[in-house]
PDB file of N, CA and C in Angstrom:
ATOM      1  N   MET A   1      -0.046  -2.137  10.642  1.00  0.00           N
ATOM      2  CA  MET A   1       0.977  -1.234  11.084  1.00  0.00           C
ATOM      3  C   MET A   1       2.231  -2.013  11.499  1.00  0.00           C
ATOM      4  N   ARG A   2       1.998  -3.125  12.189  1.00  0.00           N
ATOM      5  CA  ARG A   2       3.125  -3.950  12.609  1.00  0.00           C
ATOM      6  C   ARG A   2       3.868  -4.512  11.401  1.00  0.00           C
ATOM      7  N   GLU A   3       3.123  -4.989  10.432  1.00  0.00           N
ATOM      8  CA  GLU A   3       3.739  -5.593   9.244  1.00  0.00           C
ATOM      9  C   GLU A   3       4.573  -4.563   8.474  1.00  0.00           C
ATOM     10  N   ILE A   4       4.056  -3.355   8.310  1.00  0.00           N
ATOM     11  CA  ILE A   4       4.814  -2.304   7.631  1.00  0.00           C
ATOM     12  C   ILE A   4       6.096  -2.010   8.397  1.00  0.00           C
ATOM     13  N   ARG A   5       5.998  -1.912   9.723  1.00  0.00           N
ATOM     14  CA  ARG A   5       7.192  -1.648  10.545  1.00  0.00           C
ATOM     15  C   ARG A   5       8.222  -2.765  10.389  1.00  0.00           C
ATOM     16  N   GLU A   6       7.761  -4.018  10.400  1.00  0.00           N
ATOM     17  CA  GLU A   6       8.689  -5.145  10.252  1.00  0.00           C
ATOM     18  C   GLU A   6       9.344  -5.162   8.876  1.00  0.00           C
ATOM     19  N   GLU A   7       8.586  -4.829   7.840  1.00  0.00           N
ATOM     20  CA  GLU A   7       9.093  -4.916   6.468  1.00  0.00           C
ATOM     21  C   GLU A   7       9.940  -3.709   6.062  1.00  0.00           C
ATOM     22  N   THR A   8       9.644  -2.520   6.649  1.00  0.00           N
ATOM     23  CA  THR A   8      10.309  -1.304   6.172  1.00  0.00           C
ATOM     24  C   THR A   8      11.040  -0.503   7.244  1.00  0.00           C
ATOM     25  N   GLY A   9      10.756  -0.762   8.509  1.00  0.00           N
ATOM     26  CA  GLY A   9      11.333   0.039   9.586  1.00  0.00           C
ATOM     27  C   GLY A   9      10.562   1.313   9.857  1.00  0.00           C
ATOM     28  N   LEU A  10       9.487   1.575   9.108  1.00  0.00           N
ATOM     29  CA  LEU A  10       8.711   2.803   9.271  1.00  0.00           C
ATOM     30  C   LEU A  10       7.489   2.587  10.155  1.00  0.00           C
ATOM     31  N   TYR A  11       7.224   3.560  11.000  1.00  0.00           N
ATOM     32  CA  TYR A  11       5.977   3.612  11.746  1.00  0.00           C
ATOM     33  C   TYR A  11       5.025   4.452  10.901  1.00  0.00           C
ATOM     34  N   ILE A  12       3.796   4.002  10.780  1.00  0.00           N
ATOM     35  CA  ILE A  12       2.847   4.683   9.896  1.00  0.00           C
ATOM     36  C   ILE A  12       1.605   5.117  10.665  1.00  0.00           C
ATOM     37  N   ILE A  13       0.890   6.083  10.065  1.00  0.00           N
ATOM     38  CA  ILE A  13      -0.402   6.523  10.581  1.00  0.00           C
ATOM     39  C   ILE A  13      -1.426   6.305   9.472  1.00  0.00           C
ATOM     40  N   PRO A  14      -2.380   5.379   9.662  1.00  0.00           N
ATOM     41  CA  PRO A  14      -3.425   5.184   8.650  1.00  0.00           C
ATOM     42  C   PRO A  14      -4.237   6.464   8.494  1.00  0.00           C
ATOM     43  N   GLN A  15      -4.520   6.845   7.244  1.00  0.00           N
ATOM     44  CA  GLN A  15      -5.255   8.069   6.945  1.00  0.00           C
ATOM     45  C   GLN A  15      -6.661   7.773   6.449  1.00  0.00           C
ATOM     46  N   ASN A  16      -6.768   7.091   5.321  1.00  0.00           N
ATOM     47  CA  ASN A  16      -8.065   6.819   4.703  1.00  0.00           C
ATOM     48  C   ASN A  16      -8.142   5.356   4.305  1.00  0.00           C
ATOM     49  N   PRO A  17      -9.268   4.692   4.601  1.00  0.00           N
ATOM     50  CA  PRO A  17      -9.460   3.360   4.015  1.00  0.00           C
ATOM     51  C   PRO A  17      -9.735   3.527   2.520  1.00  0.00           C
ATOM     52  N   LEU A  18      -9.153   2.655   1.718  1.00  0.00           N
ATOM     53  CA  LEU A  18      -9.321   2.733   0.260  1.00  0.00           C
ATOM     54  C   LEU A  18     -10.253   1.669  -0.285  1.00  0.00           C
ATOM     55  N   SER A  19     -10.140   0.447   0.263  1.00  0.00           N
ATOM     56  CA  SER A  19     -10.990  -0.626  -0.257  1.00  0.00           C
ATOM     57  C   SER A  19     -11.024  -1.795   0.719  1.00  0.00           C
ATOM     58  N   VAL A  20     -12.044  -2.612   0.540  1.00  0.00           N
ATOM     59  CA  VAL A  20     -12.167  -3.893   1.245  1.00  0.00           C
ATOM     60  C   VAL A  20     -12.381  -4.937   0.167  1.00  0.00           C
ATOM     61  N   ARG A  21     -11.548  -5.965   0.184  1.00  0.00           N
ATOM     62  CA  ARG A  21     -11.659  -7.028  -0.825  1.00  0.00           C
ATOM     63  C   ARG A  21     -11.631  -8.390  -0.141  1.00  0.00           C
ATOM     64  N   HIS A  22     -12.348  -9.300  -0.744  1.00  0.00           N
ATOM     65  CA  HIS A  22     -12.363 -10.688  -0.278  1.00  0.00           C
ATOM     66  C   HIS A  22     -11.880 -11.552  -1.429  1.00  0.00           C
ATOM     67  N   PHE A  23     -10.989 -12.466  -1.142  1.00  0.00           N
ATOM     68  CA  PHE A  23     -10.515 -13.370  -2.193  1.00  0.00           C
ATOM     69  C   PHE A  23     -10.037 -14.673  -1.570  1.00  0.00           C
ATOM     70  N   LYS A  24      -9.902 -15.669  -2.418  1.00  0.00           N
ATOM     71  CA  LYS A  24      -9.437 -16.980  -1.976  1.00  0.00           C
ATOM     72  C   LYS A  24      -8.040 -17.210  -2.521  1.00  0.00           C
ATOM     73  N   ARG A  25      -7.127 -17.586  -1.632  1.00  0.00           N
ATOM     74  CA  ARG A  25      -5.758 -17.882  -2.039  1.00  0.00           C
ATOM     75  C   ARG A  25      -5.696 -19.249  -2.708  1.00  0.00           C
ATOM     76  N   ASP A  26      -4.557 -19.546  -3.297  1.00  0.00           N
ATOM     77  CA  ASP A  26      -4.375 -20.838  -3.959  1.00  0.00           C
ATOM     78  C   ASP A  26      -4.539 -22.016  -3.001  1.00  0.00           C
ATOM     79  N   ASP A  27      -4.273 -21.798  -1.694  1.00  0.00           N
ATOM     80  CA  ASP A  27      -4.430 -22.870  -0.705  1.00  0.00           C
ATOM     81  C   ASP A  27      -5.853 -22.903  -0.128  1.00  0.00           C
ATOM     82  N   ASP A  28      -6.802 -22.209  -0.782  1.00  0.00           N
ATOM     83  CA  ASP A  28      -8.223 -22.147  -0.425  1.00  0.00           C
ATOM     84  C   ASP A  28      -8.525 -21.334   0.836  1.00  0.00           C
ATOM     85  N   GLN A  29      -7.536 -20.661   1.385  1.00  0.00           N
ATOM     86  CA  GLN A  29      -7.791 -19.792   2.526  1.00  0.00           C
ATOM     87  C   GLN A  29      -8.498 -18.527   2.026  1.00  0.00           C
ATOM     88  N   ILE A  30      -9.590 -18.145   2.705  1.00  0.00           N
ATOM     89  CA  ILE A  30     -10.334 -16.951   2.328  1.00  0.00           C
ATOM     90  C   ILE A  30      -9.741 -15.763   3.082  1.00  0.00           C
ATOM     91  N   ILE A  31      -9.443 -14.707   2.341  1.00  0.00           N
ATOM     92  CA  ILE A  31      -8.775 -13.529   2.884  1.00  0.00           C
ATOM     93  C   ILE A  31      -9.700 -12.326   2.766  1.00  0.00           C
ATOM     94  N   THR A  32      -9.752 -11.514   3.800  1.00  0.00           N
ATOM     95  CA  THR A  32     -10.374 -10.197   3.742  1.00  0.00           C
ATOM     96  C   THR A  32      -9.235  -9.193   3.874  1.00  0.00           C
ATOM     97  N   MET A  33      -9.057  -8.374   2.852  1.00  0.00           N
ATOM     98  CA  MET A  33      -7.954  -7.416   2.828  1.00  0.00           C
ATOM     99  C   MET A  33      -8.534  -6.002   2.837  1.00  0.00           C
ATOM    100  N   ILE A  34      -8.124  -5.216   3.835  1.00  0.00           N
ATOM    101  CA  ILE A  34      -8.521  -3.812   3.916  1.00  0.00           C
ATOM    102  C   ILE A  34      -7.275  -2.999   3.583  1.00  0.00           C
ATOM    103  N   THR A  35      -7.383  -2.158   2.559  1.00  0.00           N
ATOM    104  CA  THR A  35      -6.264  -1.347   2.115  1.00  0.00           C
ATOM    105  C   THR A  35      -6.458   0.084   2.600  1.00  0.00           C
ATOM    106  N   PHE A  36      -5.408   0.655   3.205  1.00  0.00           N
ATOM    107  CA  PHE A  36      -5.443   2.019   3.726  1.00  0.00           C
ATOM    108  C   PHE A  36      -4.385   2.873   3.056  1.00  0.00           C
ATOM    109  N   PHE A  37      -4.674   4.158   2.909  1.00  0.00           N
ATOM    110  CA  PHE A  37      -3.656   5.144   2.588  1.00  0.00           C
ATOM    111  C   PHE A  37      -3.031   5.524   3.919  1.00  0.00           C
ATOM    112  N   CYS A  38      -1.713   5.467   4.003  1.00  0.00           N
ATOM    113  CA  CYS A  38      -1.009   5.748   5.257  1.00  0.00           C
ATOM    114  C   CYS A  38       0.104   6.756   5.026  1.00  0.00           C
ATOM    115  N   LYS A  39       0.457   7.458   6.085  1.00  0.00           N
ATOM    116  CA  LYS A  39       1.597   8.368   6.047  1.00  0.00           C
ATOM    117  C   LYS A  39       2.649   7.873   7.021  1.00  0.00           C
ATOM    118  N   PRO A  40       3.923   8.016   6.657  1.00  0.00           N
ATOM    119  CA  PRO A  40       4.970   7.637   7.612  1.00  0.00           C
ATOM    120  C   PRO A  40       4.974   8.608   8.783  1.00  0.00           C
ATOM    121  N   ASN A  41       5.230   8.088   9.971  1.00  0.00           N
ATOM    122  CA  ASN A  41       5.243   8.895  11.180  1.00  0.00           C
ATOM    123  C   ASN A  41       6.666   9.083  11.699  1.00  0.00           C
ATOM    124  N   ARG A  42       7.389   7.983  11.780  1.00  0.00           N
ATOM    125  CA  ARG A  42       8.778   8.033  12.247  1.00  0.00           C
ATOM    126  C   ARG A  42       9.463   6.743  11.840  1.00  0.00           C
ATOM    127  N   GLY A  43      10.735   6.676  12.094  1.00  0.00           N
ATOM    128  CA  GLY A  43      11.517   5.503  11.734  1.00  0.00           C
ATOM    129  C   GLY A  43      12.403   5.810  10.546  1.00  0.00           C
ATOM    130  N   TYR A  44      13.227   4.865  10.220  1.00  0.00           N
ATOM    131  CA  TYR A  44      14.149   4.986   9.097  1.00  0.00           C
ATOM    132  C   TYR A  44      13.901   3.841   8.138  1.00  0.00           C
ATOM    133  N   LEU A  45      13.776   4.158   6.866  1.00  0.00           N
ATOM    134  CA  LEU A  45      13.508   3.153   5.853  1.00  0.00           C
ATOM    135  C   LEU A  45      14.669   2.170   5.766  1.00  0.00           C
ATOM    136  N   LYS A  46      14.348   0.898   5.890  1.00  0.00           N
ATOM    137  CA  LYS A  46      15.347  -0.158   5.743  1.00  0.00           C
ATOM    138  C   LYS A  46      14.686  -1.334   5.055  1.00  0.00           C
ATOM    139  N   ILE A  47      15.462  -2.115   4.402  1.00  0.00           N
ATOM    140  CA  ILE A  47      14.933  -3.268   3.683  1.00  0.00           C
ATOM    141  C   ILE A  47      14.998  -4.503   4.585  1.00  0.00           C
ATOM    142  N   SER A  48      13.942  -5.292   4.581  1.00  0.00           N
ATOM    143  CA  SER A  48      13.922  -6.503   5.392  1.00  0.00           C
ATOM    144  C   SER A  48      14.686  -7.616   4.675  1.00  0.00           C
ATOM    145  N   LYS A  49      14.956  -8.677   5.385  1.00  0.00           N
ATOM    146  CA  LYS A  49      15.651  -9.831   4.797  1.00  0.00           C
ATOM    147  C   LYS A  49      14.777 -10.558   3.777  1.00  0.00           C
ATOM    148  N   GLU A  50      13.472 -10.304   3.826  1.00  0.00           N
ATOM    149  CA  GLU A  50      12.541 -10.966   2.910  1.00  0.00           C
ATOM    150  C   GLU A  50      12.522 -10.335   1.524  1.00  0.00           C
ATOM    151  N   HIS A  51      13.160  -9.170   1.366  1.00  0.00           N
ATOM    152  CA  HIS A  51      13.095  -8.439   0.107  1.00  0.00           C
ATOM    153  C   HIS A  51      14.495  -8.090  -0.391  1.00  0.00           C
ATOM    154  N   SER A  52      14.581  -7.774  -1.664  1.00  0.00           N
ATOM    155  CA  SER A  52      15.876  -7.443  -2.247  1.00  0.00           C
ATOM    156  C   SER A  52      15.931  -6.017  -2.781  1.00  0.00           C
ATOM    157  N   GLU A  53      14.798  -5.292  -2.753  1.00  0.00           N
ATOM    158  CA  GLU A  53      14.773  -3.971  -3.359  1.00  0.00           C
ATOM    159  C   GLU A  53      13.697  -3.099  -2.717  1.00  0.00           C
ATOM    160  N   ILE A  54      13.992  -1.810  -2.597  1.00  0.00           N
ATOM    161  CA  ILE A  54      13.012  -0.805  -2.204  1.00  0.00           C
ATOM    162  C   ILE A  54      12.983   0.213  -3.328  1.00  0.00           C
ATOM    163  N   LYS A  55      11.776   0.667  -3.676  1.00  0.00           N
ATOM    164  CA  LYS A  55      11.666   1.611  -4.784  1.00  0.00           C
ATOM    165  C   LYS A  55      10.580   2.636  -4.466  1.00  0.00           C
ATOM    166  N   TRP A  56      10.931   3.918  -4.489  1.00  0.00           N
ATOM    167  CA  TRP A  56       9.956   4.995  -4.351  1.00  0.00           C
ATOM    168  C   TRP A  56       9.533   5.395  -5.747  1.00  0.00           C
ATOM    169  N   GLN A  57       8.228   5.607  -5.925  1.00  0.00           N
ATOM    170  CA  GLN A  57       7.707   5.982  -7.236  1.00  0.00           C
ATOM    171  C   GLN A  57       6.672   7.069  -7.109  1.00  0.00           C
ATOM    172  N   GLU A  58       6.569   7.861  -8.159  1.00  0.00           N
ATOM    173  CA  GLU A  58       5.482   8.822  -8.247  1.00  0.00           C
ATOM    174  C   GLU A  58       4.178   8.050  -8.459  1.00  0.00           C
ATOM    175  N   LEU A  59       3.105   8.559  -7.911  1.00  0.00           N
ATOM    176  CA  LEU A  59       1.810   7.893  -8.020  1.00  0.00           C
ATOM    177  C   LEU A  59       1.394   7.689  -9.472  1.00  0.00           C
ATOM    178  N   ASP A  60       1.752   8.631 -10.341  1.00  0.00           N
ATOM    179  CA  ASP A  60       1.381   8.522 -11.758  1.00  0.00           C
ATOM    180  C   ASP A  60       1.987   7.305 -12.451  1.00  0.00           C
ATOM    181  N   ASN A  61       3.100   6.791 -11.952  1.00  0.00           N
ATOM    182  CA  ASN A  61       3.809   5.687 -12.615  1.00  0.00           C
ATOM    183  C   ASN A  61       3.695   4.347 -11.898  1.00  0.00           C
ATOM    184  N   VAL A  62       3.049   4.310 -10.765  1.00  0.00           N
ATOM    185  CA  VAL A  62       3.098   3.114  -9.924  1.00  0.00           C
ATOM    186  C   VAL A  62       2.353   1.910 -10.523  1.00  0.00           C
ATOM    187  N   LYS A  63       1.336   2.140 -11.342  1.00  0.00           N
ATOM    188  CA  LYS A  63       0.584   1.018 -11.919  1.00  0.00           C
ATOM    189  C   LYS A  63       1.475   0.106 -12.756  1.00  0.00           C
ATOM    190  N   GLU A  64       2.529   0.649 -13.317  1.00  0.00           N
ATOM    191  CA  GLU A  64       3.441  -0.143 -14.149  1.00  0.00           C
ATOM    192  C   GLU A  64       4.072  -1.302 -13.376  1.00  0.00           C
ATOM    193  N   ASP A  65       4.269  -1.116 -12.064  1.00  0.00           N
ATOM    194  CA  ASP A  65       4.943  -2.130 -11.261  1.00  0.00           C
ATOM    195  C   ASP A  65       4.007  -2.947 -10.378  1.00  0.00           C
ATOM    196  N   LEU A  66       2.719  -2.630 -10.407  1.00  0.00           N
ATOM    197  CA  LEU A  66       1.758  -3.367  -9.590  1.00  0.00           C
ATOM    198  C   LEU A  66       0.892  -4.264 -10.461  1.00  0.00           C
ATOM    199  N   THR A  67       0.436  -5.356  -9.877  1.00  0.00           N
ATOM    200  CA  THR A  67      -0.526  -6.186 -10.594  1.00  0.00           C
ATOM    201  C   THR A  67      -1.825  -5.406 -10.736  1.00  0.00           C
ATOM    202  N   GLU A  68      -2.618  -5.777 -11.699  1.00  0.00           N
ATOM    203  CA  GLU A  68      -3.877  -5.093 -11.960  1.00  0.00           C
ATOM    204  C   GLU A  68      -4.807  -5.141 -10.748  1.00  0.00           C
ATOM    205  N   PHE A  69      -4.625  -6.119  -9.890  1.00  0.00           N
ATOM    206  CA  PHE A  69      -5.447  -6.261  -8.683  1.00  0.00           C
ATOM    207  C   PHE A  69      -5.455  -4.963  -7.864  1.00  0.00           C
ATOM    208  N   PHE A  70      -4.332  -4.225  -7.837  1.00  0.00           N
ATOM    209  CA  PHE A  70      -4.223  -3.021  -7.015  1.00  0.00           C
ATOM    210  C   PHE A  70      -4.482  -1.722  -7.777  1.00  0.00           C
ATOM    211  N   HIS A  71      -4.819  -1.787  -9.036  1.00  0.00           N
ATOM    212  CA  HIS A  71      -5.057  -0.570  -9.813  1.00  0.00           C
ATOM    213  C   HIS A  71      -6.243   0.232  -9.276  1.00  0.00           C
ATOM    214  N   LYS A  72      -7.243  -0.442  -8.744  1.00  0.00           N
ATOM    215  CA  LYS A  72      -8.408   0.245  -8.175  1.00  0.00           C
ATOM    216  C   LYS A  72      -7.976   1.193  -7.057  1.00  0.00           C
ATOM    217  N   GLU A  73      -7.083   0.745  -6.195  1.00  0.00           N
ATOM    218  CA  GLU A  73      -6.627   1.575  -5.087  1.00  0.00           C
ATOM    219  C   GLU A  73      -5.826   2.782  -5.590  1.00  0.00           C
ATOM    220  N   ILE A  74      -5.048   2.588  -6.638  1.00  0.00           N
ATOM    221  CA  ILE A  74      -4.285   3.699  -7.209  1.00  0.00           C
ATOM    222  C   ILE A  74      -5.243   4.731  -7.793  1.00  0.00           C
ATOM    223  N   ASP A  75      -6.299   4.284  -8.446  1.00  0.00           N
ATOM    224  CA  ASP A  75      -7.301   5.206  -8.976  1.00  0.00           C
ATOM    225  C   ASP A  75      -7.957   6.010  -7.852  1.00  0.00           C
ATOM    226  N   ILE A  76      -8.257   5.371  -6.741  1.00  0.00           N
ATOM    227  CA  ILE A  76      -8.846   6.069  -5.591  1.00  0.00           C
ATOM    228  C   ILE A  76      -7.860   7.097  -5.044  1.00  0.00           C
ATOM    229  N   LEU A  77      -6.594   6.715  -4.903  1.00  0.00           N
ATOM    230  CA  LEU A  77      -5.573   7.663  -4.429  1.00  0.00           C
ATOM    231  C   LEU A  77      -5.454   8.853  -5.366  1.00  0.00           C
ATOM    232  N   ASN A  78      -5.488   8.611  -6.653  1.00  0.00           N
ATOM    233  CA  ASN A  78      -5.420   9.705  -7.625  1.00  0.00           C
ATOM    234  C   ASN A  78      -6.616  10.639  -7.464  1.00  0.00           C
ATOM    235  N   GLN A  79      -7.798  10.088  -7.227  1.00  0.00           N
ATOM    236  CA  GLN A  79      -8.986  10.918  -7.016  1.00  0.00           C
ATOM    237  C   GLN A  79      -8.845  11.753  -5.744  1.00  0.00           C
ATOM    238  N   LEU A  80      -8.364  11.143  -4.677  1.00  0.00           N
ATOM    239  CA  LEU A  80      -8.148  11.883  -3.425  1.00  0.00           C
ATOM    240  C   LEU A  80      -7.129  12.985  -3.610  1.00  0.00           C
ATOM    241  N   ASN A  81      -6.064  12.689  -4.332  1.00  0.00           N
ATOM    242  CA  ASN A  81      -4.995  13.658  -4.579  1.00  0.00           C
ATOM    243  C   ASN A  81      -5.513  14.832  -5.409  1.00  0.00           C
ATOM    244  N   THR A  82      -6.348  14.548  -6.393  1.00  0.00           N
ATOM    245  CA  THR A  82      -6.922  15.595  -7.244  1.00  0.00           C
ATOM    246  C   THR A  82      -7.841  16.506  -6.429  1.00  0.00           C
ATOM    247  N   LYS A  83      -8.664  15.904  -5.551  1.00  0.00           N
ATOM    248  CA  LYS A  83      -9.583  16.689  -4.729  1.00  0.00           C
ATOM    249  C   LYS A  83      -8.831  17.559  -3.743  1.00  0.00           C
ATOM    250  N   SER A  84      -7.735  17.074  -3.189  1.00  0.00           N
ATOM    251  CA  SER A  84      -6.988  17.850  -2.196  1.00  0.00           C
ATOM    252  C   SER A  84      -6.299  19.053  -2.833  1.00  0.00           C
ATOM    253  N   LYS A  85      -6.051  19.014  -4.150  1.00  0.00           N
ATOM    254  CA  LYS A  85      -5.409  20.127  -4.848  1.00  0.00           C
ATOM    255  C   LYS A  85      -6.420  21.182  -5.272  1.00  0.00           C
ATOM    256  N   SER A  86      -7.720  20.832  -5.237  1.00  0.00           N
ATOM    257  CA  SER A  86      -8.766  21.774  -5.702  1.00  0.00           C
ATOM    258  C   SER A  86      -9.037  22.835  -4.652  1.00  0.00           C
TER     259      SER A  86
END
């Protein structure tokens, strides 16, 4: 939550956990990454000094801009979105 606020200016509310992954970085550090679906709560979207662009996308098109590593989470979000419309 802190990292999202620092990077975007948005306060978020975690909704659903999507996945837990373990991987090793190039520097051999082992990482455990928990990915959540979150909703913005308050704040104003702003770009941090670490980035040069912000882009909002429809869920149907987001895989085009993400590495394949995150496609699993997009598939889970699509399943959740489909169930909520039923």
